[in-house]
C-alpha cells in the first residue's frame, strides 16, 4: 500500500511499516466501527437509529488515513453483506444496504477516505481544522444517506428524520474529535 502524503497518527507508533501492519490496522478499524454500531438508540419518528458508528467511522479515517480508512469501511460493509452482525444493533445481510439507512452505510466509505485525506494534510492537528474535517465527513454521510432515504420518505421527510435530529449529537462528536486528535498528536510527538 502506498504511503500517505503525511505521517498518520498510527504511523507515529513504533510498529513495523509493512503490509501486515496495514492489514491489522484495516481489520482493527472495521472492528471498531462494528462495535460502535452496537450502541443504538432508536428514534420513534425515524427509520435511521442513532449509533456510535459515525464517530468511529470518522475516527478510523482520521487515524488510518484515506486509503486504510476507506478500506476499513469497505471491509466493514463486506462483513455485513456476508452476514456478520456488524450493522446497527447486530443487523446483517445485503437487505441492510437496500433499506432506508443503506445510503448512510455507503457514505461511511467516502467519509473515511475524505477525512483521512484531510488528516494526511494535517487537518487533525488543530482544533478548528479538525472540526472542519469532521464536518466534511459528516456532510458526505448526510448527503448520500439523505438522498438514499428520500427514496423511502421523500426529500423533506428525509431531512427531518435523517439529518436534523442528528445534528446536535454530531456537533458534540465533532467537539470530542477536535479535542482528542490534536491532543493525541501532542502526546505522540
C-alpha atoms as a PDB file:
ATOM      1  CA  UNK A   1       0.000   0.000   0.000  1.00  0.00           C
ATOM      2  CA  UNK A   2       1.369   3.381  -0.967  1.00  0.00           C
ATOM      3  CA  UNK A   3       2.382   5.609   1.945  1.00  0.00           C
ATOM      4  CA  UNK A   4       0.187   8.586   2.654  1.00  0.00           C
ATOM      5  CA  UNK A   5       1.121  12.199   1.956  1.00  0.00           C
ATOM      6  CA  UNK A   6       1.879  12.942   5.601  1.00  0.00           C
ATOM      7  CA  UNK A   7       2.566  10.784   8.611  1.00  0.00           C
ATOM      8  CA  UNK A   8      -0.652   9.475  10.143  1.00  0.00           C
ATOM      9  CA  UNK A   9      -1.236   9.132  13.847  1.00  0.00           C
ATOM     10  CA  UNK A  10      -0.847   5.348  13.574  1.00  0.00           C
ATOM     11  CA  UNK A  11       2.450   5.804  11.734  1.00  0.00           C
ATOM     12  CA  UNK A  12       3.886   7.626  14.761  1.00  0.00           C
ATOM     13  CA  UNK A  13       3.654   4.445  16.834  1.00  0.00           C
ATOM     14  CA  UNK A  14       6.725   2.218  16.891  1.00  0.00           C
ATOM     15  CA  UNK A  15       5.338  -0.618  14.800  1.00  0.00           C
ATOM     16  CA  UNK A  16       6.834  -2.045  11.612  1.00  0.00           C
ATOM     17  CA  UNK A  17       5.625  -0.271   8.467  1.00  0.00           C
ATOM     18  CA  UNK A  18       4.623  -3.116   6.140  1.00  0.00           C
ATOM     19  CA  UNK A  19       1.587  -4.793   4.619  1.00  0.00           C
ATOM     20  CA  UNK A  20       0.967  -6.876   7.759  1.00  0.00           C
ATOM     21  CA  UNK A  21       0.649  -3.702   9.804  1.00  0.00           C
ATOM     22  CA  UNK A  22      -1.689  -2.235   7.178  1.00  0.00           C
ATOM     23  CA  UNK A  23      -3.893  -5.362   7.266  1.00  0.00           C
ATOM     24  CA  UNK A  24      -4.045  -5.333  11.078  1.00  0.00           C
ATOM     25  CA  UNK A  25      -4.950  -1.626  11.092  1.00  0.00           C
ATOM     26  CA  UNK A  26      -7.678  -2.106   8.454  1.00  0.00           C
ATOM     27  CA  UNK A  27      -9.138  -5.056  10.404  1.00  0.00           C
ATOM     28  CA  UNK A  28      -8.982  -3.093  13.658  1.00  0.00           C
ATOM     29  CA  UNK A  29     -10.735  -0.117  12.066  1.00  0.00           C
ATOM     30  CA  UNK A  30     -13.502  -2.355  10.773  1.00  0.00           C
ATOM     31  CA  UNK A  31     -13.910  -3.990  14.187  1.00  0.00           C
ATOM     32  CA  UNK A  32     -14.113  -0.583  15.906  1.00  0.00           C
ATOM     33  CA  UNK A  33     -16.950   0.502  13.610  1.00  0.00           C
ATOM     34  CA  UNK A  34     -18.733  -2.842  14.112  1.00  0.00           C
ATOM     35  CA  UNK A  35     -18.525  -2.458  17.890  1.00  0.00           C
ATOM     36  CA  UNK A  36     -19.728   1.135  17.766  1.00  0.00           C
ATOM     37  CA  UNK A  37     -22.733   0.043  15.689  1.00  0.00           C
ATOM     38  CA  UNK A  38     -23.991  -1.904  18.678  1.00  0.00           C
ATOM     39  CA  UNK A  39     -24.614   1.339  20.597  1.00  0.00           C
ATOM     40  CA  UNK A  40     -28.127   2.020  19.298  1.00  0.00           C
ATOM     41  CA  UNK A  41     -30.831   4.497  20.238  1.00  0.00           C
ATOM     42  CA  UNK A  42     -33.962   4.056  18.148  1.00  0.00           C
ATOM     43  CA  UNK A  43     -35.935   7.183  17.338  1.00  0.00           C
ATOM     44  CA  UNK A  44     -39.700   6.611  17.091  1.00  0.00           C
ATOM     45  CA  UNK A  45     -40.038   9.086  14.223  1.00  0.00           C
ATOM     46  CA  UNK A  46     -37.042   7.956  12.132  1.00  0.00           C
ATOM     47  CA  UNK A  47     -36.058   4.762  10.311  1.00  0.00           C
ATOM     48  CA  UNK A  48     -32.417   5.702  10.994  1.00  0.00           C
ATOM     49  CA  UNK A  49     -31.152   4.996  14.541  1.00  0.00           C
ATOM     50  CA  UNK A  50     -28.594   6.954  16.500  1.00  0.00           C
ATOM     51  CA  UNK A  51     -25.449   4.850  16.801  1.00  0.00           C
ATOM     52  CA  UNK A  52     -21.803   5.291  17.672  1.00  0.00           C
ATOM     53  CA  UNK A  53     -20.876   4.486  14.067  1.00  0.00           C
ATOM     54  CA  UNK A  54     -20.369   7.965  12.662  1.00  0.00           C
ATOM     55  CA  UNK A  55     -17.844   8.889  15.331  1.00  0.00           C
ATOM     56  CA  UNK A  56     -15.976   5.607  14.810  1.00  0.00           C
ATOM     57  CA  UNK A  57     -16.085   5.944  11.011  1.00  0.00           C
ATOM     58  CA  UNK A  58     -14.532   9.395  11.090  1.00  0.00           C
ATOM     59  CA  UNK A  59     -12.045   8.440  13.798  1.00  0.00           C
ATOM     60  CA  UNK A  60     -10.895   5.495  11.660  1.00  0.00           C
ATOM     61  CA  UNK A  61     -10.434   7.847   8.715  1.00  0.00           C
ATOM     62  CA  UNK A  62      -8.527  10.396  10.789  1.00  0.00           C
ATOM     63  CA  UNK A  63      -6.221   7.843  12.391  1.00  0.00           C
ATOM     64  CA  UNK A  64      -5.631   5.458   9.470  1.00  0.00           C
ATOM     65  CA  UNK A  65      -5.615   7.902   6.558  1.00  0.00           C
ATOM     66  CA  UNK A  66      -7.538   7.897   3.313  1.00  0.00           C
ATOM     67  CA  UNK A  67      -6.538   4.511   1.899  1.00  0.00           C
ATOM     68  CA  UNK A  68      -6.579   2.383   5.041  1.00  0.00           C
ATOM     69  CA  UNK A  69      -9.628   4.252   6.374  1.00  0.00           C
ATOM     70  CA  UNK A  70     -11.689   3.687   3.222  1.00  0.00           C
ATOM     71  CA  UNK A  71     -10.529   0.047   3.078  1.00  0.00           C
ATOM     72  CA  UNK A  72     -11.606  -0.466   6.705  1.00  0.00           C
ATOM     73  CA  UNK A  73     -15.100   0.756   5.897  1.00  0.00           C
ATOM     74  CA  UNK A  74     -15.317  -1.221   2.655  1.00  0.00           C
ATOM     75  CA  UNK A  75     -14.353  -4.300   4.676  1.00  0.00           C
ATOM     76  CA  UNK A  76     -16.993  -3.404   7.281  1.00  0.00           C
ATOM     77  CA  UNK A  77     -19.673  -3.301   4.563  1.00  0.00           C
ATOM     78  CA  UNK A  78     -18.448  -6.593   3.098  1.00  0.00           C
ATOM     79  CA  UNK A  79     -18.594  -8.229   6.542  1.00  0.00           C
ATOM     80  CA  UNK A  80     -22.177  -7.059   6.966  1.00  0.00           C
ATOM     81  CA  UNK A  81     -23.198  -8.178   3.482  1.00  0.00           C
ATOM     82  CA  UNK A  82     -21.697 -11.618   4.174  1.00  0.00           C
ATOM     83  CA  UNK A  83     -23.942 -11.995   7.214  1.00  0.00           C
ATOM     84  CA  UNK A  84     -21.750 -10.960  10.122  1.00  0.00           C
ATOM     85  CA  UNK A  85     -23.850  -8.984  12.657  1.00  0.00           C
ATOM     86  CA  UNK A  86     -21.872  -5.747  12.312  1.00  0.00           C
ATOM     87  CA  UNK A  87     -24.605  -3.276  11.355  1.00  0.00           C
ATOM     88  CA  UNK A  88     -26.693  -1.291  13.855  1.00  0.00           C
ATOM     89  CA  UNK A  89     -27.960  -3.468  16.684  1.00  0.00           C
ATOM     90  CA  UNK A  90     -26.473  -6.654  15.215  1.00  0.00           C
ATOM     91  CA  UNK A  91     -28.043  -6.315  11.782  1.00  0.00           C
ATOM     92  CA  UNK A  92     -26.546  -8.155   8.837  1.00  0.00           C
ATOM     93  CA  UNK A  93     -27.142  -9.043   5.224  1.00  0.00           C
ATOM     94  CA  UNK A  94     -27.494  -7.378   1.851  1.00  0.00           C
ATOM     95  CA  UNK A  95     -31.022  -6.034   2.603  1.00  0.00           C
ATOM     96  CA  UNK A  96     -29.456  -3.546   5.043  1.00  0.00           C
ATOM     97  CA  UNK A  97     -27.714  -1.825   2.130  1.00  0.00           C
ATOM     98  CA  UNK A  98     -31.014  -1.565   0.272  1.00  0.00           C
ATOM     99  CA  UNK A  99     -33.005  -0.379   3.295  1.00  0.00           C
ATOM    100  CA  UNK A 100     -33.605   3.188   4.489  1.00  0.00           C
ATOM    101  CA  UNK A 101     -30.179   3.525   6.134  1.00  0.00           C
ATOM    102  CA  UNK A 102     -28.218   1.972   3.249  1.00  0.00           C
ATOM    103  CA  UNK A 103     -27.073   5.339   1.946  1.00  0.00           C
ATOM    104  CA  UNK A 104     -25.524   6.201   5.291  1.00  0.00           C
ATOM    105  CA  UNK A 105     -23.624   2.906   5.251  1.00  0.00           C
ATOM    106  CA  UNK A 106     -22.318   3.602   1.750  1.00  0.00           C
ATOM    107  CA  UNK A 107     -21.429   7.155   2.788  1.00  0.00           C
ATOM    108  CA  UNK A 108     -19.162   5.751   5.504  1.00  0.00           C
ATOM    109  CA  UNK A 109     -16.582   4.626   2.936  1.00  0.00           C
ATOM    110  CA  UNK A 110     -16.455   8.041   1.266  1.00  0.00           C
ATOM    111  CA  UNK A 111     -16.379   9.869   4.622  1.00  0.00           C
ATOM    112  CA  UNK A 112     -13.498   7.785   6.000  1.00  0.00           C
ATOM    113  CA  UNK A 113     -11.498   8.366   2.832  1.00  0.00           C
ATOM    114  CA  UNK A 114     -12.308  12.077   2.837  1.00  0.00           C
ATOM    115  CA  UNK A 115     -11.360  12.792   6.459  1.00  0.00           C
ATOM    116  CA  UNK A 116      -8.343  10.522   6.059  1.00  0.00           C
ATOM    117  CA  UNK A 117      -7.204  12.644   3.126  1.00  0.00           C
ATOM    118  CA  UNK A 118      -7.707  15.813   5.154  1.00  0.00           C
ATOM    119  CA  UNK A 119      -5.794  14.286   8.073  1.00  0.00           C
ATOM    120  CA  UNK A 120      -2.956  13.465   5.681  1.00  0.00           C
ATOM    121  CA  UNK A 121      -2.808  17.188   5.013  1.00  0.00           C
ATOM    122  CA  UNK A 122      -2.591  17.998   8.731  1.00  0.00           C
ATOM    123  CA  UNK A 123      -6.251  18.813   9.423  1.00  0.00           C
ATOM    124  CA  UNK A 124      -6.222  16.588  12.534  1.00  0.00           C
ATOM    125  CA  UNK A 125      -3.587  18.609  14.365  1.00  0.00           C
ATOM    126  CA  UNK A 126      -5.558  21.702  15.410  1.00  0.00           C
ATOM    127  CA  UNK A 127      -8.998  22.134  16.959  1.00  0.00           C
ATOM    128  CA  UNK A 128     -10.503  24.306  14.214  1.00  0.00           C
ATOM    129  CA  UNK A 129      -9.211  22.277  11.262  1.00  0.00           C
ATOM    130  CA  UNK A 130     -10.288  19.015  12.920  1.00  0.00           C
ATOM    131  CA  UNK A 131     -13.802  20.489  13.233  1.00  0.00           C
ATOM    132  CA  UNK A 132     -13.740  21.395   9.523  1.00  0.00           C
ATOM    133  CA  UNK A 133     -12.609  17.890   8.538  1.00  0.00           C
ATOM    134  CA  UNK A 134     -15.227  16.285  10.799  1.00  0.00           C
ATOM    135  CA  UNK A 135     -17.932  18.494   9.256  1.00  0.00           C
ATOM    136  CA  UNK A 136     -16.813  17.496   5.747  1.00  0.00           C
ATOM    137  CA  UNK A 137     -17.017  13.813   6.673  1.00  0.00           C
ATOM    138  CA  UNK A 138     -20.462  14.240   8.222  1.00  0.00           C
ATOM    139  CA  UNK A 139     -21.639  16.186   5.176  1.00  0.00           C
ATOM    140  CA  UNK A 140     -20.584  13.301   2.925  1.00  0.00           C
ATOM    141  CA  UNK A 141     -22.527  10.842   5.097  1.00  0.00           C
ATOM    142  CA  UNK A 142     -25.585  13.121   5.283  1.00  0.00           C
ATOM    143  CA  UNK A 143     -25.726  13.807   1.541  1.00  0.00           C
ATOM    144  CA  UNK A 144     -25.526  10.162   0.481  1.00  0.00           C
ATOM    145  CA  UNK A 145     -27.688   8.981   3.369  1.00  0.00           C
ATOM    146  CA  UNK A 146     -30.411  11.599   2.948  1.00  0.00           C
ATOM    147  CA  UNK A 147     -30.550  11.155  -0.825  1.00  0.00           C
ATOM    148  CA  UNK A 148     -30.965   7.413  -0.359  1.00  0.00           C
ATOM    149  CA  UNK A 149     -33.506   7.836   2.452  1.00  0.00           C
ATOM    150  CA  UNK A 150     -35.541  10.238   0.294  1.00  0.00           C
ATOM    151  CA  UNK A 151     -36.407   7.269  -1.943  1.00  0.00           C
ATOM    152  CA  UNK A 152     -38.349   5.886   1.038  1.00  0.00           C
ATOM    153  CA  UNK A 153     -39.675   9.037   2.689  1.00  0.00           C
ATOM    154  CA  UNK A 154     -39.475  11.923   0.202  1.00  0.00           C
ATOM    155  CA  UNK A 155     -36.897  14.705   0.346  1.00  0.00           C
ATOM    156  CA  UNK A 156     -38.385  16.887   3.099  1.00  0.00           C
ATOM    157  CA  UNK A 157     -39.073  13.940   5.405  1.00  0.00           C
ATOM    158  CA  UNK A 158     -35.581  12.659   4.678  1.00  0.00           C
ATOM    159  CA  UNK A 159     -34.099  15.883   6.043  1.00  0.00           C
ATOM    160  CA  UNK A 160     -36.495  15.923   9.020  1.00  0.00           C
ATOM    161  CA  UNK A 161     -35.913  12.310  10.024  1.00  0.00           C
ATOM    162  CA  UNK A 162     -32.447  11.535   8.657  1.00  0.00           C
ATOM    163  CA  UNK A 163     -30.421  14.711   9.170  1.00  0.00           C
ATOM    164  CA  UNK A 164     -31.841  17.324  11.545  1.00  0.00           C
ATOM    165  CA  UNK A 165     -32.278  15.080  14.628  1.00  0.00           C
ATOM    166  CA  UNK A 166     -28.636  14.003  14.351  1.00  0.00           C
ATOM    167  CA  UNK A 167     -27.021  17.450  14.131  1.00  0.00           C
ATOM    168  CA  UNK A 168     -26.733  18.152  17.907  1.00  0.00           C
ATOM    169  CA  UNK A 169     -25.124  14.763  18.596  1.00  0.00           C
ATOM    170  CA  UNK A 170     -22.768  15.130  15.662  1.00  0.00           C
ATOM    171  CA  UNK A 171     -21.724  18.583  16.849  1.00  0.00           C
ATOM    172  CA  UNK A 172     -20.866  17.005  20.205  1.00  0.00           C
ATOM    173  CA  UNK A 173     -18.893  14.242  18.441  1.00  0.00           C
ATOM    174  CA  UNK A 174     -17.050  16.857  16.362  1.00  0.00           C
ATOM    175  CA  UNK A 175     -16.019  18.727  19.501  1.00  0.00           C
ATOM    176  CA  UNK A 176     -14.806  15.470  21.093  1.00  0.00           C
ATOM    177  CA  UNK A 177     -12.741  14.668  17.996  1.00  0.00           C
ATOM    178  CA  UNK A 178     -11.392  18.230  17.818  1.00  0.00           C
ATOM    179  CA  UNK A 179     -10.230  17.943  21.421  1.00  0.00           C
ATOM    180  CA  UNK A 180      -8.927  14.371  21.214  1.00  0.00           C
ATOM    181  CA  UNK A 181      -6.986  14.296  17.948  1.00  0.00           C
ATOM    182  CA  UNK A 182      -4.756  17.355  18.431  1.00  0.00           C
ATOM    183  CA  UNK A 183      -4.118  16.156  21.991  1.00  0.00           C
ATOM    184  CA  UNK A 184      -3.137  12.712  20.700  1.00  0.00           C
ATOM    185  CA  UNK A 185      -0.694  14.338  18.266  1.00  0.00           C
ATOM    186  CA  UNK A 186       0.909  16.260  21.139  1.00  0.00           C
ATOM    187  CA  UNK A 187       1.271  13.030  23.118  1.00  0.00           C
ATOM    188  CA  UNK A 188       2.864  11.013  20.303  1.00  0.00           C
ATOM    189  CA  UNK A 189       5.313  13.775  19.346  1.00  0.00           C
END
